[in-house]
Amino acid sequence: MTKHIADKRSPSSGSRVQQFLRLSRSPRETWHHSRPAAGSSRLIQFLRIARGRSA
């Protein structure tokens, strides 16, 4: 019994792996972005919660 035509995959070119390796070899900033300081946006969220607003 042979596989259905939809179950037969064509061989991949490996471009996904190549792109992943290209990104992984790039500088560290690609993967690890510095987080912004918890400034006014965090204060605004605390005040919103303190006032009893959910949205």
N, C-alpha and C. Protein backbone atom coordinates (compact mmCIF):
# COMPACT_ATOMS: atom_id res chain seq x y z
N MET A 1 0.85 -1.17 0.00
CA MET A 1 0.00 0.00 0.00
C MET A 1 0.90 1.25 0.00
N THR A 2 0.65 2.16 -0.91
CA THR A 2 1.46 3.36 -1.00
C THR A 2 0.78 4.51 -0.26
N LYS A 3 1.56 5.51 0.02
CA LYS A 3 1.04 6.68 0.73
C LYS A 3 0.16 7.51 -0.22
N HIS A 4 -0.76 8.23 0.39
CA HIS A 4 -1.59 9.16 -0.37
C HIS A 4 -0.72 10.29 -0.88
N ILE A 5 -1.11 10.91 -1.96
CA ILE A 5 -0.31 11.97 -2.57
C ILE A 5 -0.09 13.14 -1.61
N ALA A 6 -1.05 13.39 -0.69
CA ALA A 6 -0.90 14.48 0.27
C ALA A 6 0.11 14.13 1.36
N ASP A 7 0.40 12.85 1.56
CA ASP A 7 1.33 12.42 2.59
C ASP A 7 2.78 12.40 2.11
N LYS A 8 3.01 12.65 0.85
CA LYS A 8 4.36 12.63 0.30
C LYS A 8 4.91 14.04 0.30
N ARG A 9 5.98 14.25 1.03
CA ARG A 9 6.61 15.57 1.09
C ARG A 9 7.81 15.61 0.16
N SER A 10 7.99 16.74 -0.45
CA SER A 10 9.19 16.91 -1.27
C SER A 10 10.36 17.21 -0.33
N PRO A 11 11.56 16.80 -0.71
CA PRO A 11 12.71 17.05 0.17
C PRO A 11 12.93 18.55 0.34
N SER A 12 13.27 18.95 1.57
CA SER A 12 13.48 20.37 1.84
C SER A 12 14.88 20.80 1.40
N SER A 13 15.02 22.08 1.21
CA SER A 13 16.31 22.62 0.80
C SER A 13 17.19 22.96 2.00
N GLY A 14 16.63 22.90 3.21
CA GLY A 14 17.41 23.21 4.41
C GLY A 14 17.52 24.69 4.67
N SER A 15 16.70 25.50 4.01
CA SER A 15 16.82 26.95 4.18
C SER A 15 16.42 27.40 5.58
N ARG A 16 15.48 26.70 6.23
CA ARG A 16 15.11 27.06 7.61
C ARG A 16 16.30 26.91 8.54
N VAL A 17 17.00 25.80 8.40
CA VAL A 17 18.17 25.56 9.25
C VAL A 17 19.25 26.59 8.95
N GLN A 18 19.45 26.88 7.69
CA GLN A 18 20.47 27.87 7.32
C GLN A 18 20.15 29.24 7.91
N GLN A 19 18.88 29.64 7.85
CA GLN A 19 18.49 30.94 8.41
C GLN A 19 18.65 30.94 9.93
N PHE A 20 18.27 29.84 10.59
CA PHE A 20 18.43 29.76 12.04
C PHE A 20 19.90 29.86 12.42
N LEU A 21 20.75 29.15 11.72
CA LEU A 21 22.18 29.21 12.03
C LEU A 21 22.74 30.60 11.77
N ARG A 22 22.27 31.25 10.72
CA ARG A 22 22.72 32.62 10.44
C ARG A 22 22.36 33.54 11.58
N LEU A 23 21.14 33.41 12.10
CA LEU A 23 20.72 34.25 13.22
C LEU A 23 21.48 33.90 14.49
N SER A 24 21.70 32.61 14.72
CA SER A 24 22.36 32.22 15.96
C SER A 24 23.82 32.66 15.99
N ARG A 25 24.41 32.83 14.83
CA ARG A 25 25.81 33.26 14.77
C ARG A 25 25.94 34.77 14.79
N SER A 26 24.84 35.48 14.69
CA SER A 26 24.89 36.94 14.70
C SER A 26 25.15 37.44 16.12
N PRO A 27 25.42 38.71 16.30
CA PRO A 27 25.71 39.22 17.64
C PRO A 27 24.59 38.92 18.64
N ARG A 28 24.95 38.92 19.87
CA ARG A 28 24.05 38.53 20.96
C ARG A 28 22.82 39.41 21.05
N GLU A 29 22.88 40.64 20.60
CA GLU A 29 21.75 41.56 20.70
C GLU A 29 20.53 41.07 19.91
N THR A 30 20.76 40.19 18.95
CA THR A 30 19.65 39.66 18.17
C THR A 30 18.69 38.89 19.07
N TRP A 31 19.23 38.14 20.02
CA TRP A 31 18.41 37.28 20.86
C TRP A 31 18.07 37.92 22.19
N HIS A 32 18.97 38.74 22.72
CA HIS A 32 18.79 39.30 24.06
C HIS A 32 18.67 40.81 23.97
N HIS A 33 17.44 41.27 23.93
CA HIS A 33 17.21 42.70 23.91
C HIS A 33 17.20 43.22 25.33
N SER A 34 17.79 44.37 25.53
CA SER A 34 17.77 44.94 26.86
C SER A 34 16.35 45.42 27.18
N ARG A 35 15.92 45.16 28.39
CA ARG A 35 14.58 45.56 28.79
C ARG A 35 14.59 47.01 29.22
N PRO A 36 13.58 47.76 28.86
CA PRO A 36 13.55 49.16 29.29
C PRO A 36 13.36 49.24 30.80
N ALA A 37 13.84 50.30 31.35
CA ALA A 37 13.72 50.50 32.80
C ALA A 37 12.25 50.61 33.18
N ALA A 38 11.93 50.08 34.35
CA ALA A 38 10.55 50.15 34.84
C ALA A 38 10.31 51.59 35.28
N GLY A 39 9.77 52.36 34.40
CA GLY A 39 9.60 53.78 34.66
C GLY A 39 8.14 54.16 34.82
N SER A 40 7.74 55.12 34.05
CA SER A 40 6.41 55.69 34.20
C SER A 40 5.31 54.71 33.83
N SER A 41 5.56 53.82 32.88
CA SER A 41 4.50 52.88 32.50
C SER A 41 4.15 51.95 33.65
N ARG A 42 5.15 51.55 34.42
CA ARG A 42 4.89 50.68 35.57
C ARG A 42 4.11 51.44 36.64
N LEU A 43 4.48 52.68 36.87
CA LEU A 43 3.77 53.51 37.84
C LEU A 43 2.33 53.71 37.43
N ILE A 44 2.10 53.93 36.15
CA ILE A 44 0.73 54.11 35.64
C ILE A 44 -0.09 52.85 35.88
N GLN A 45 0.51 51.69 35.66
CA GLN A 45 -0.22 50.44 35.88
C GLN A 45 -0.55 50.24 37.35
N PHE A 46 0.39 50.55 38.26
CA PHE A 46 0.11 50.43 39.68
C PHE A 46 -1.01 51.38 40.11
N LEU A 47 -0.99 52.59 39.60
CA LEU A 47 -2.04 53.55 39.94
C LEU A 47 -3.40 53.11 39.40
N ARG A 48 -3.41 52.53 38.21
CA ARG A 48 -4.66 52.04 37.63
C ARG A 48 -5.24 50.93 38.50
N ILE A 49 -4.39 50.04 38.96
CA ILE A 49 -4.85 48.94 39.81
C ILE A 49 -5.34 49.50 41.15
N ALA A 50 -4.63 50.48 41.69
CA ALA A 50 -5.01 51.07 42.98
C ALA A 50 -6.37 51.76 42.88
N ARG A 51 -6.67 52.32 41.73
CA ARG A 51 -7.98 52.98 41.55
C ARG A 51 -9.10 51.99 41.31
N GLY A 52 -8.75 50.72 41.07
CA GLY A 52 -9.77 49.69 40.87
C GLY A 52 -10.21 49.50 39.45
N ARG A 53 -9.44 50.03 38.52
CA ARG A 53 -9.78 49.83 37.10
C ARG A 53 -9.09 48.59 36.59
N SER A 54 -9.79 47.85 35.76
CA SER A 54 -9.19 46.63 35.22
C SER A 54 -8.74 46.79 33.79
N ALA A 55 -9.19 47.81 33.10
CA ALA A 55 -8.80 47.96 31.70
C ALA A 55 -8.39 49.37 31.38
